[in-house]
């Protein structure tokens, strides 16, 4: 069983319109039309630490859908018939880090599925950015934790096929390339879906 998600996003007012579910609010801030179907979702997956970063995985979902209408992209077919897994992840530094420490979504966040598919980085056009300088800035100004959305686009599987997925988060590294903690492998069992 799933949830149909439809509607428009108006970038001028910044409000979502005509949604049966407002939990999924990851879409770009331009006027778009989108239709998505959520197959399964899991809340409150857990809190983990890797070196100086505390990571809370709040939400994951398997989704199929498309974005159309005034989407400014070189190839409009890029956003049609997407099979995706979304994660909402909260990041927080638990101690001070050196300026030469590195961590970012392009190199440190990956996904593997029970169907054998491995995705090396989140789909950049539908995902948030996280890096060490953002986390340090958030810590410096006492802004608490930093909530981010990561979308992994499936190429070899369908969202409906996915029973389990593993969010892989590599440890941040210091200026010499040495890990500052342990790599994380966070398994999400979609057979325990909240839907």
Protein backbone atom coordinates (compact mmCIF):
# COMPACT_ATOMS: atom_id res chain seq x y z
CA UNK A 1 0.00 0.00 0.00
CA UNK A 2 1.26 3.48 -0.77
CA UNK A 3 0.37 7.14 -0.70
CA UNK A 4 -0.27 9.29 -3.75
CA UNK A 5 1.45 12.66 -3.58
CA UNK A 6 0.46 15.34 -6.08
CA UNK A 7 0.64 19.08 -6.33
CA UNK A 8 2.41 22.25 -7.28
CA UNK A 9 5.09 24.18 -5.52
CA UNK A 10 5.00 27.95 -5.84
CA UNK A 11 8.49 29.39 -5.38
CA UNK A 12 7.16 32.90 -4.90
CA UNK A 13 5.03 32.14 -1.85
CA UNK A 14 7.23 29.22 -0.77
CA UNK A 15 4.18 27.13 0.03
CA UNK A 16 3.23 23.67 -1.10
CA UNK A 17 -0.22 23.31 -2.51
CA UNK A 18 -2.68 20.44 -3.04
CA UNK A 19 -0.76 17.77 -1.17
CA UNK A 20 -2.23 14.76 0.51
CA UNK A 21 1.12 14.45 2.34
CA UNK A 22 3.31 17.45 3.15
CA UNK A 23 6.12 15.33 4.69
CA UNK A 24 7.92 15.15 1.35
CA UNK A 25 9.10 18.70 0.77
CA UNK A 26 12.38 18.15 -1.06
CA UNK A 27 11.52 19.56 -4.44
CA UNK A 28 13.40 22.45 -6.01
CA UNK A 29 12.26 26.00 -5.36
CA UNK A 30 10.87 26.61 -8.82
CA UNK A 31 7.34 26.22 -10.09
CA UNK A 32 6.93 22.53 -10.81
CA UNK A 33 4.25 19.95 -11.25
CA UNK A 34 4.97 16.59 -9.76
CA UNK A 35 3.23 13.32 -9.17
CA UNK A 36 4.73 10.78 -6.82
CA UNK A 37 3.64 7.53 -5.29
CA UNK A 38 5.16 6.49 -1.97
CA UNK A 39 5.40 2.73 -1.60
CA UNK A 40 6.91 2.47 1.87
CA UNK A 41 8.23 4.76 4.61
CA UNK A 42 10.05 4.38 7.91
CA UNK A 43 10.32 6.99 10.71
CA UNK A 44 12.84 7.36 13.54
CA UNK A 45 15.52 5.05 12.17
CA UNK A 46 18.20 5.93 14.71
CA UNK A 47 21.07 8.11 15.90
CA UNK A 48 24.71 7.25 15.14
CA UNK A 49 28.17 8.78 15.51
CA UNK A 50 31.16 8.81 13.22
CA UNK A 51 34.06 10.80 14.64
CA UNK A 52 32.95 14.36 15.40
CA UNK A 53 29.56 14.01 13.66
CA UNK A 54 26.30 12.83 15.23
CA UNK A 55 23.87 11.63 12.57
CA UNK A 56 20.14 11.07 13.12
CA UNK A 57 18.26 9.33 10.32
CA UNK A 58 14.71 10.60 10.81
CA UNK A 59 12.87 9.28 7.78
CA UNK A 60 13.27 7.09 4.69
CA UNK A 61 10.87 6.29 1.87
CA UNK A 62 10.69 4.45 -1.45
CA UNK A 63 8.99 6.52 -4.15
CA UNK A 64 8.14 6.49 -7.84
CA UNK A 65 7.22 9.64 -9.74
CA UNK A 66 8.06 12.49 -12.05
CA UNK A 67 8.53 16.25 -12.10
CA UNK A 68 7.20 18.22 -15.05
CA UNK A 69 5.93 21.66 -16.01
CA UNK A 70 8.37 24.55 -16.20
CA UNK A 71 11.24 22.56 -14.75
CA UNK A 72 14.33 24.34 -16.01
CA UNK A 73 16.71 21.58 -16.95
CA UNK A 74 18.73 20.74 -20.03
CA UNK A 75 16.79 17.51 -20.46
CA UNK A 76 13.15 17.42 -19.34
CA UNK A 77 13.15 13.60 -19.51
CA UNK A 78 15.70 13.52 -16.66
CA UNK A 79 12.91 13.88 -14.10
CA UNK A 80 10.30 11.59 -15.66
CA UNK A 81 9.65 8.10 -14.33
CA UNK A 82 12.03 8.34 -11.40
CA UNK A 83 12.44 5.45 -8.98
CA UNK A 84 13.99 6.85 -5.81
CA UNK A 85 14.81 6.35 -2.15
CA UNK A 86 14.68 9.48 0.02
CA UNK A 87 16.30 10.03 3.41
CA UNK A 88 15.92 12.89 5.87
CA UNK A 89 19.09 13.06 7.96
CA UNK A 90 20.04 15.43 10.78
CA UNK A 91 23.75 16.28 11.26
CA UNK A 92 25.43 17.86 14.27
CA UNK A 93 29.05 18.27 15.30
CA UNK A 94 29.62 16.77 18.77
CA UNK A 95 33.05 18.42 19.20
CA UNK A 96 35.25 20.97 17.51
CA UNK A 97 37.13 19.92 14.38
CA UNK A 98 40.24 21.18 12.61
CA UNK A 99 39.88 23.39 9.57
CA UNK A 100 41.46 20.74 7.34
CA UNK A 101 38.88 18.03 8.21
CA UNK A 102 36.60 17.08 5.32
CA UNK A 103 33.15 15.54 4.95
CA UNK A 104 30.59 16.06 2.16
CA UNK A 105 27.60 14.42 0.53
CA UNK A 106 29.39 13.81 -2.80
CA UNK A 107 32.17 11.67 -1.31
CA UNK A 108 30.88 10.38 2.02
CA UNK A 109 27.25 9.33 1.49
CA UNK A 110 26.30 6.21 -0.52
CA UNK A 111 23.52 3.63 -0.76
CA UNK A 112 23.26 -0.09 -1.42
CA UNK A 113 20.04 -2.08 -1.82
CA UNK A 114 18.97 -5.66 -1.31
CA UNK A 115 18.60 -5.91 -5.10
CA UNK A 116 22.37 -5.44 -5.47
CA UNK A 117 22.31 -1.86 -6.67
CA UNK A 118 25.04 0.45 -5.34
CA UNK A 119 24.71 4.24 -5.71
CA UNK A 120 27.90 6.19 -5.07
CA UNK A 121 26.32 9.56 -4.20
CA UNK A 122 22.92 11.23 -3.78
CA UNK A 123 21.18 12.58 -6.89
CA UNK A 124 22.50 16.14 -6.78
CA UNK A 125 19.52 17.94 -8.35
CA UNK A 126 17.07 16.65 -5.73
CA UNK A 127 19.37 16.45 -2.70
CA UNK A 128 20.65 18.84 -0.09
CA UNK A 129 24.28 19.78 0.38
CA UNK A 130 26.23 18.99 3.52
CA UNK A 131 29.91 19.58 4.17
CA UNK A 132 32.23 20.25 7.08
CA UNK A 133 32.17 24.04 6.69
CA UNK A 134 28.36 24.09 6.89
CA UNK A 135 28.44 21.89 9.99
CA UNK A 136 31.11 24.07 11.61
CA UNK A 137 29.11 27.22 10.83
CA UNK A 138 25.98 25.66 12.34
CA UNK A 139 27.93 24.75 15.48
CA UNK A 140 29.65 28.13 15.76
CA UNK A 141 26.36 30.02 15.73
CA UNK A 142 24.59 27.53 18.02
CA UNK A 143 22.00 26.67 15.39
CA UNK A 144 21.67 23.10 16.67
CA UNK A 145 21.48 20.27 14.20
CA UNK A 146 21.29 20.51 10.44
CA UNK A 147 18.43 18.65 8.65
CA UNK A 148 19.20 17.51 5.09
CA UNK A 149 17.36 15.57 2.39
CA UNK A 150 19.18 12.98 0.26
CA UNK A 151 17.62 11.37 -2.79
CA UNK A 152 19.11 8.28 -4.39
CA UNK A 153 17.89 7.56 -7.91
CA UNK A 154 17.57 3.87 -8.71
CA UNK A 155 18.73 2.76 -12.17
CA UNK A 156 18.67 -1.05 -11.91
CA UNK A 157 15.69 -1.55 -9.59
CA UNK A 158 12.24 -0.17 -8.98
CA UNK A 159 11.26 1.52 -5.72
CA UNK A 160 8.59 -1.13 -5.24
CA UNK A 161 11.24 -3.90 -5.43
CA UNK A 162 13.26 -2.53 -2.51
CA UNK A 163 12.79 -4.44 0.75
CA UNK A 164 15.98 -3.22 2.46
CA UNK A 165 18.47 -0.44 1.79
CA UNK A 166 21.73 0.42 3.51
CA UNK A 167 22.72 4.06 3.91
CA UNK A 168 26.52 4.11 3.96
CA UNK A 169 28.18 7.12 5.55
CA UNK A 170 31.96 7.27 5.38
CA UNK A 171 33.76 8.85 8.30
CA UNK A 172 35.06 12.40 7.95
CA UNK A 173 38.84 12.56 7.43
CA UNK A 174 41.57 14.81 8.73
CA UNK A 175 44.05 16.77 6.60
CA UNK A 176 46.22 13.65 6.15
CA UNK A 177 43.29 11.61 4.87
CA UNK A 178 42.99 9.59 8.08
CA UNK A 179 39.45 8.66 9.21
CA UNK A 180 38.20 10.49 12.28
CA UNK A 181 35.76 7.70 13.16
CA UNK A 182 34.14 4.51 11.93
CA UNK A 183 32.22 4.21 8.67
CA UNK A 184 28.48 3.69 9.23
CA UNK A 185 26.21 1.17 7.52
CA UNK A 186 22.63 1.94 8.49
CA UNK A 187 20.18 -0.70 7.29
CA UNK A 188 16.58 0.35 6.68
CA UNK A 189 14.04 -2.49 6.57
CA UNK A 190 11.13 -1.26 4.45
CA UNK A 191 9.14 -4.42 5.27
CA UNK A 192 8.47 -2.64 8.61
CA UNK A 193 6.93 0.29 6.74
CA UNK A 194 4.71 2.84 8.48
CA UNK A 195 2.39 2.90 5.44
